[in-house]
Amino acid sequence: MATKQGNISDDEIRKLVAERLKTLPSGKRISIGGEGSFTKDDLIKRVELGDGLGKKMVEVELEFLRALKKGEFLNGQNTTYN
């Protein structure tokens, strides 16, 4: 049974992150700290499985989206949009 974060279920969040990962270039490997090097397909699978690395990818993506919403990536300015 999926839990809810606000109005979005954990399953929906994992699907969103997996879709965003699909936009990464094919044929490239992504190095994730001490975890190793992964293809985008590797990362998508880990997110879908919900293992430790998959959960970390979801956490990183959510933090990125929150920062983007706050406008933290606009010309180095901290502009907030409501």
N, C-alpha and C. Protein backbone atom coordinates (compact mmCIF):
# COMPACT_ATOMS: atom_id res chain seq x y z
N MET A 1 0.84 -1.18 0.00
CA MET A 1 0.00 0.00 0.00
C MET A 1 0.89 1.25 0.00
N ALA A 2 0.63 2.15 -0.90
CA ALA A 2 1.44 3.35 -1.03
C ALA A 2 1.06 4.36 0.03
N THR A 3 2.06 5.02 0.57
CA THR A 3 1.79 6.10 1.52
C THR A 3 1.67 7.40 0.75
N LYS A 4 1.16 8.40 1.40
CA LYS A 4 0.97 9.70 0.74
C LYS A 4 1.91 10.74 1.31
N GLN A 5 2.44 11.58 0.45
CA GLN A 5 3.20 12.77 0.84
C GLN A 5 2.44 13.94 0.26
N GLY A 6 1.66 14.60 1.10
CA GLY A 6 0.76 15.63 0.56
C GLY A 6 -0.33 14.92 -0.21
N ASN A 7 -0.50 15.26 -1.47
CA ASN A 7 -1.50 14.62 -2.31
C ASN A 7 -0.91 13.62 -3.29
N ILE A 8 0.37 13.37 -3.20
CA ILE A 8 1.06 12.50 -4.16
C ILE A 8 1.57 11.26 -3.44
N SER A 9 1.30 10.08 -4.00
CA SER A 9 1.75 8.84 -3.39
C SER A 9 3.23 8.59 -3.66
N ASP A 10 3.84 7.74 -2.86
CA ASP A 10 5.24 7.37 -3.07
C ASP A 10 5.43 6.77 -4.46
N ASP A 11 4.46 5.97 -4.90
CA ASP A 11 4.55 5.36 -6.24
C ASP A 11 4.58 6.44 -7.33
N GLU A 12 3.76 7.46 -7.17
CA GLU A 12 3.72 8.55 -8.15
C GLU A 12 5.04 9.33 -8.15
N ILE A 13 5.60 9.54 -6.98
CA ILE A 13 6.88 10.24 -6.89
C ILE A 13 7.97 9.43 -7.57
N ARG A 14 8.02 8.13 -7.32
CA ARG A 14 9.03 7.27 -7.97
C ARG A 14 8.86 7.30 -9.49
N LYS A 15 7.61 7.29 -9.97
CA LYS A 15 7.37 7.36 -11.41
C LYS A 15 7.86 8.69 -11.98
N LEU A 16 7.63 9.78 -11.26
CA LEU A 16 8.11 11.10 -11.70
C LEU A 16 9.63 11.11 -11.80
N VAL A 17 10.30 10.60 -10.78
CA VAL A 17 11.77 10.58 -10.78
C VAL A 17 12.28 9.70 -11.91
N ALA A 18 11.66 8.54 -12.11
CA ALA A 18 12.07 7.65 -13.21
C ALA A 18 11.91 8.35 -14.56
N GLU A 19 10.82 9.07 -14.74
CA GLU A 19 10.61 9.80 -16.01
C GLU A 19 11.66 10.89 -16.20
N ARG A 20 12.00 11.59 -15.13
CA ARG A 20 13.04 12.63 -15.24
C ARG A 20 14.39 12.00 -15.56
N LEU A 21 14.68 10.83 -14.97
CA LEU A 21 15.95 10.15 -15.27
C LEU A 21 16.03 9.73 -16.73
N LYS A 22 14.89 9.45 -17.34
CA LYS A 22 14.87 9.04 -18.75
C LYS A 22 15.36 10.16 -19.67
N THR A 23 15.37 11.39 -19.17
CA THR A 23 15.83 12.51 -20.00
C THR A 23 17.36 12.63 -20.03
N LEU A 24 18.05 11.87 -19.19
CA LEU A 24 19.51 11.90 -19.20
C LEU A 24 20.02 11.30 -20.50
N PRO A 25 21.20 11.71 -20.95
CA PRO A 25 21.74 11.18 -22.21
C PRO A 25 22.01 9.67 -22.12
N SER A 26 21.70 8.98 -23.19
CA SER A 26 21.99 7.54 -23.26
C SER A 26 23.47 7.33 -23.48
N GLY A 27 23.97 6.21 -23.02
CA GLY A 27 25.36 5.86 -23.24
C GLY A 27 26.33 6.52 -22.27
N LYS A 28 25.83 7.31 -21.36
CA LYS A 28 26.69 7.96 -20.37
C LYS A 28 26.51 7.25 -19.04
N ARG A 29 27.56 7.30 -18.21
CA ARG A 29 27.48 6.75 -16.87
C ARG A 29 27.50 7.90 -15.88
N ILE A 30 26.74 7.74 -14.81
CA ILE A 30 26.63 8.77 -13.78
C ILE A 30 27.30 8.23 -12.52
N SER A 31 28.26 8.98 -12.01
CA SER A 31 28.96 8.59 -10.80
C SER A 31 28.22 9.17 -9.60
N ILE A 32 27.93 8.30 -8.64
CA ILE A 32 27.19 8.73 -7.44
C ILE A 32 28.05 8.46 -6.23
N GLY A 33 28.84 9.46 -5.86
CA GLY A 33 29.70 9.36 -4.67
C GLY A 33 30.41 8.03 -4.56
N GLY A 34 30.36 7.44 -3.38
CA GLY A 34 30.99 6.16 -3.13
C GLY A 34 30.15 4.97 -3.57
N GLU A 35 28.98 5.23 -4.16
CA GLU A 35 28.08 4.16 -4.58
C GLU A 35 28.55 3.48 -5.87
N GLY A 36 29.25 4.22 -6.71
CA GLY A 36 29.70 3.66 -7.98
C GLY A 36 29.22 4.46 -9.17
N SER A 37 29.30 3.83 -10.33
CA SER A 37 28.93 4.46 -11.59
C SER A 37 27.75 3.69 -12.19
N PHE A 38 26.75 4.43 -12.68
CA PHE A 38 25.52 3.80 -13.13
C PHE A 38 25.06 4.40 -14.46
N THR A 39 24.37 3.59 -15.25
CA THR A 39 23.69 4.11 -16.44
C THR A 39 22.35 4.65 -15.98
N LYS A 40 21.70 5.41 -16.85
CA LYS A 40 20.39 5.92 -16.48
C LYS A 40 19.41 4.77 -16.27
N ASP A 41 19.55 3.69 -17.06
CA ASP A 41 18.66 2.53 -16.88
C ASP A 41 18.88 1.87 -15.52
N ASP A 42 20.15 1.81 -15.07
CA ASP A 42 20.45 1.29 -13.73
C ASP A 42 19.73 2.11 -12.67
N LEU A 43 19.83 3.43 -12.80
CA LEU A 43 19.23 4.32 -11.81
C LEU A 43 17.71 4.22 -11.81
N ILE A 44 17.13 4.15 -13.00
CA ILE A 44 15.68 4.00 -13.11
C ILE A 44 15.22 2.73 -12.41
N LYS A 45 15.94 1.64 -12.64
CA LYS A 45 15.58 0.36 -12.02
C LYS A 45 15.67 0.47 -10.49
N ARG A 46 16.71 1.13 -9.99
CA ARG A 46 16.88 1.27 -8.54
C ARG A 46 15.77 2.13 -7.94
N VAL A 47 15.36 3.18 -8.65
CA VAL A 47 14.25 4.02 -8.18
C VAL A 47 12.97 3.19 -8.15
N GLU A 48 12.71 2.43 -9.21
CA GLU A 48 11.51 1.62 -9.27
C GLU A 48 11.48 0.55 -8.18
N LEU A 49 12.65 -0.03 -7.87
CA LEU A 49 12.74 -1.03 -6.81
C LEU A 49 12.60 -0.41 -5.42
N GLY A 50 12.99 0.85 -5.30
CA GLY A 50 12.90 1.53 -4.02
C GLY A 50 13.98 1.10 -3.03
N ASP A 51 15.13 0.64 -3.55
CA ASP A 51 16.22 0.25 -2.65
C ASP A 51 16.91 1.51 -2.12
N GLY A 52 17.98 1.35 -1.37
CA GLY A 52 18.66 2.48 -0.75
C GLY A 52 19.08 3.55 -1.73
N LEU A 53 19.72 3.15 -2.83
CA LEU A 53 20.15 4.13 -3.83
C LEU A 53 18.94 4.77 -4.51
N GLY A 54 17.92 3.98 -4.79
CA GLY A 54 16.70 4.52 -5.39
C GLY A 54 16.06 5.57 -4.51
N LYS A 55 16.01 5.31 -3.20
CA LYS A 55 15.44 6.28 -2.26
C LYS A 55 16.28 7.54 -2.21
N LYS A 56 17.60 7.39 -2.29
CA LYS A 56 18.49 8.55 -2.29
C LYS A 56 18.26 9.39 -3.55
N MET A 57 18.08 8.73 -4.69
CA MET A 57 17.81 9.46 -5.94
C MET A 57 16.50 10.24 -5.84
N VAL A 58 15.48 9.64 -5.23
CA VAL A 58 14.20 10.32 -5.05
C VAL A 58 14.38 11.54 -4.15
N GLU A 59 15.12 11.36 -3.06
CA GLU A 59 15.37 12.45 -2.12
C GLU A 59 16.09 13.61 -2.81
N VAL A 60 17.12 13.30 -3.59
CA VAL A 60 17.89 14.33 -4.30
C VAL A 60 17.00 15.05 -5.30
N GLU A 61 16.19 14.31 -6.03
CA GLU A 61 15.32 14.91 -7.03
C GLU A 61 14.28 15.83 -6.37
N LEU A 62 13.70 15.39 -5.27
CA LEU A 62 12.72 16.21 -4.58
C LEU A 62 13.35 17.50 -4.05
N GLU A 63 14.57 17.40 -3.52
CA GLU A 63 15.28 18.60 -3.05
C GLU A 63 15.55 19.55 -4.21
N PHE A 64 15.92 19.01 -5.36
CA PHE A 64 16.15 19.83 -6.54
C PHE A 64 14.87 20.55 -6.95
N LEU A 65 13.76 19.81 -7.00
CA LEU A 65 12.49 20.42 -7.40
C LEU A 65 12.02 21.48 -6.40
N ARG A 66 12.24 21.24 -5.12
CA ARG A 66 11.88 22.24 -4.11
C ARG A 66 12.72 23.52 -4.30
N ALA A 67 14.01 23.35 -4.54
CA ALA A 67 14.89 24.50 -4.76
C ALA A 67 14.48 25.24 -6.03
N LEU A 68 14.13 24.51 -7.06
CA LEU A 68 13.69 25.12 -8.31
C LEU A 68 12.42 25.93 -8.09
N LYS A 69 11.50 25.37 -7.32
CA LYS A 69 10.25 26.08 -7.01
C LYS A 69 10.53 27.38 -6.26
N LYS A 70 11.51 27.36 -5.37
CA LYS A 70 11.86 28.55 -4.59
C LYS A 70 12.63 29.56 -5.42
N GLY A 71 13.03 29.19 -6.63
CA GLY A 71 13.77 30.10 -7.49
C GLY A 71 15.25 30.17 -7.17
N GLU A 72 15.79 29.15 -6.52
CA GLU A 72 17.18 29.18 -6.10
C GLU A 72 18.17 29.00 -7.25
N PHE A 73 17.70 28.73 -8.45
CA PHE A 73 18.59 28.53 -9.59
C PHE A 73 18.46 29.63 -10.63
N LEU A 74 17.88 30.74 -10.25
CA LEU A 74 17.68 31.84 -11.20
C LEU A 74 18.77 32.88 -11.02
N ASN A 75 19.79 32.85 -11.87
CA ASN A 75 20.86 33.84 -11.86
C ASN A 75 21.48 34.04 -10.48
N GLY A 76 21.52 33.00 -9.68
CA GLY A 76 22.13 33.09 -8.37
C GLY A 76 21.30 33.88 -7.37
N GLN A 77 20.09 34.23 -7.73
CA GLN A 77 19.24 35.00 -6.82
C GLN A 77 18.29 34.06 -6.09
N ASN A 78 17.95 34.39 -4.87
CA ASN A 78 16.98 33.64 -4.11
C ASN A 78 15.62 34.30 -4.26
N THR A 79 14.97 34.05 -5.37
CA THR A 79 13.66 34.61 -5.65
C THR A 79 12.61 33.56 -5.35
N THR A 80 11.60 33.91 -4.58
CA THR A 80 10.55 32.97 -4.23
C THR A 80 9.30 33.28 -5.05
N TYR A 81 8.72 32.24 -5.64
CA TYR A 81 7.47 32.38 -6.39
C TYR A 81 6.40 31.63 -5.63
N ASN A 82 5.28 32.25 -5.44
CA ASN A 82 4.16 31.60 -4.74
C ASN A 82 3.09 31.22 -5.70
